[in-house]
Amino acid sequence: DAAARALKAAFGRDPVITGEGGSIPVVNDFATLLGAPVLLVGFGLPGENAHAPDEWISVDNLRRGMRAMAMLYDEVAR
């Protein structure tokens, strides 16, 4: 809930919540070893060619993403 509030504040709209992490095996290890849930938050858009040689990210999304993560820390601290 805190992440959703932070993302909405940074991007001006409700976030799209999707299940992810199945291809990142260490995520389950973190959750198991730390005994805490893991939250993955992405800011990429379709067509940004993630992990390809010509990968890119929207500068606006990058800035809003940084703002959202700062806001998330504030939300969690409350």
C-alpha atoms as a PDB file:
ATOM      1  CA  ASP A   1       0.000   0.000   0.000  1.00  0.00           C
ATOM      2  CA  ALA A   2       2.847   2.374   0.812  1.00  0.00           C
ATOM      3  CA  ALA A   3       4.447   1.712  -2.581  1.00  0.00           C
ATOM      4  CA  ALA A   4       1.140   2.286  -4.372  1.00  0.00           C
ATOM      5  CA  ARG A   5       0.709   5.630  -2.604  1.00  0.00           C
ATOM      6  CA  ALA A   6       4.275   6.692  -3.422  1.00  0.00           C
ATOM      7  CA  LEU A   7       3.946   5.675  -7.085  1.00  0.00           C
ATOM      8  CA  LYS A   8       0.635   7.487  -7.436  1.00  0.00           C
ATOM      9  CA  ALA A   9       2.126  10.634  -5.917  1.00  0.00           C
ATOM     10  CA  ALA A  10       5.156  10.523  -8.243  1.00  0.00           C
ATOM     11  CA  PHE A  11       3.393   9.539 -11.467  1.00  0.00           C
ATOM     12  CA  GLY A  12      -0.026  11.106 -10.932  1.00  0.00           C
ATOM     13  CA  ARG A  13      -1.979   7.900 -11.513  1.00  0.00           C
ATOM     14  CA  ASP A  14      -2.611   4.538  -9.899  1.00  0.00           C
ATOM     15  CA  PRO A  15       0.197   2.033 -10.483  1.00  0.00           C
ATOM     16  CA  VAL A  16      -0.328  -1.144 -12.495  1.00  0.00           C
ATOM     17  CA  ILE A  17       0.243  -4.082 -10.166  1.00  0.00           C
ATOM     18  CA  THR A  18       1.552  -7.248 -11.836  1.00  0.00           C
ATOM     19  CA  GLY A  19       3.150 -10.432 -10.595  1.00  0.00           C
ATOM     20  CA  GLU A  20       6.854 -10.520 -11.473  1.00  0.00           C
ATOM     21  CA  GLY A  21      10.088 -12.033 -10.283  1.00  0.00           C
ATOM     22  CA  GLY A  22       9.709 -15.582 -11.558  1.00  0.00           C
ATOM     23  CA  SER A  23      12.754 -15.113 -13.750  1.00  0.00           C
ATOM     24  CA  ILE A  24      14.811 -13.631 -10.917  1.00  0.00           C
ATOM     25  CA  PRO A  25      15.537 -16.685  -8.726  1.00  0.00           C
ATOM     26  CA  VAL A  26      17.309 -14.728  -5.982  1.00  0.00           C
ATOM     27  CA  VAL A  27      14.038 -12.924  -5.131  1.00  0.00           C
ATOM     28  CA  ASN A  28      12.665 -16.025  -3.419  1.00  0.00           C
ATOM     29  CA  ASP A  29      15.994 -16.527  -1.619  1.00  0.00           C
ATOM     30  CA  PHE A  30      15.848 -12.973  -0.259  1.00  0.00           C
ATOM     31  CA  ALA A  31      12.293 -13.489   0.977  1.00  0.00           C
ATOM     32  CA  THR A  32      13.162 -16.823   2.586  1.00  0.00           C
ATOM     33  CA  LEU A  33      16.465 -15.805   4.175  1.00  0.00           C
ATOM     34  CA  LEU A  34      15.311 -12.387   5.350  1.00  0.00           C
ATOM     35  CA  GLY A  35      11.838 -13.511   6.385  1.00  0.00           C
ATOM     36  CA  ALA A  36      10.359 -10.467   4.685  1.00  0.00           C
ATOM     37  CA  PRO A  37       8.433  -9.830   1.499  1.00  0.00           C
ATOM     38  CA  VAL A  38      10.294  -8.502  -1.524  1.00  0.00           C
ATOM     39  CA  LEU A  39       8.903  -5.657  -3.598  1.00  0.00           C
ATOM     40  CA  LEU A  40      10.053  -5.220  -7.189  1.00  0.00           C
ATOM     41  CA  VAL A  41       9.267  -1.855  -8.720  1.00  0.00           C
ATOM     42  CA  GLY A  42       9.923  -1.131 -12.369  1.00  0.00           C
ATOM     43  CA  PHE A  43       9.823   2.109 -14.306  1.00  0.00           C
ATOM     44  CA  GLY A  44      10.497   0.892 -17.816  1.00  0.00           C
ATOM     45  CA  LEU A  45       8.121   1.213 -20.731  1.00  0.00           C
ATOM     46  CA  PRO A  46       7.397  -1.338 -23.443  1.00  0.00           C
ATOM     47  CA  GLY A  47       9.877  -0.881 -26.255  1.00  0.00           C
ATOM     48  CA  GLU A  48      12.806   0.213 -24.086  1.00  0.00           C
ATOM     49  CA  ASN A  49      14.603  -2.996 -25.045  1.00  0.00           C
ATOM     50  CA  ALA A  50      15.479  -4.001 -21.494  1.00  0.00           C
ATOM     51  CA  HIS A  51      18.814  -5.854 -21.301  1.00  0.00           C
ATOM     52  CA  ALA A  52      19.424  -5.459 -25.037  1.00  0.00           C
ATOM     53  CA  PRO A  53      22.446  -3.673 -26.518  1.00  0.00           C
ATOM     54  CA  ASP A  54      20.245  -0.690 -27.377  1.00  0.00           C
ATOM     55  CA  GLU A  55      18.455  -0.544 -24.009  1.00  0.00           C
ATOM     56  CA  TRP A  56      17.173   2.878 -22.945  1.00  0.00           C
ATOM     57  CA  ILE A  57      14.851   4.450 -20.356  1.00  0.00           C
ATOM     58  CA  SER A  58      12.725   7.554 -20.445  1.00  0.00           C
ATOM     59  CA  VAL A  59      14.493  10.293 -18.463  1.00  0.00           C
ATOM     60  CA  ASP A  60      11.097  11.448 -17.170  1.00  0.00           C
ATOM     61  CA  ASN A  61      10.325   7.947 -15.875  1.00  0.00           C
ATOM     62  CA  LEU A  62      13.771   7.717 -14.301  1.00  0.00           C
ATOM     63  CA  ARG A  63      13.273  11.007 -12.431  1.00  0.00           C
ATOM     64  CA  ARG A  64       9.740  10.104 -11.369  1.00  0.00           C
ATOM     65  CA  GLY A  65      10.981   6.670 -10.299  1.00  0.00           C
ATOM     66  CA  MET A  66      13.645   8.218  -8.068  1.00  0.00           C
ATOM     67  CA  ARG A  67      11.012  10.505  -6.575  1.00  0.00           C
ATOM     68  CA  ALA A  68       8.688   7.547  -6.007  1.00  0.00           C
ATOM     69  CA  MET A  69      11.386   5.585  -4.162  1.00  0.00           C
ATOM     70  CA  ALA A  70      12.152   8.566  -1.909  1.00  0.00           C
ATOM     71  CA  MET A  71       8.422   8.892  -1.215  1.00  0.00           C
ATOM     72  CA  LEU A  72       8.237   5.163  -0.482  1.00  0.00           C
ATOM     73  CA  TYR A  73      10.851   5.544   2.269  1.00  0.00           C
ATOM     74  CA  ASP A  74       8.769   8.366   3.747  1.00  0.00           C
ATOM     75  CA  GLU A  75       5.634   6.193   3.566  1.00  0.00           C
ATOM     76  CA  VAL A  76       7.338   3.243   5.251  1.00  0.00           C
ATOM     77  CA  ALA A  77       8.801   5.486   7.965  1.00  0.00           C
ATOM     78  CA  ARG A  78       5.307   6.637   8.905  1.00  0.00           C
END
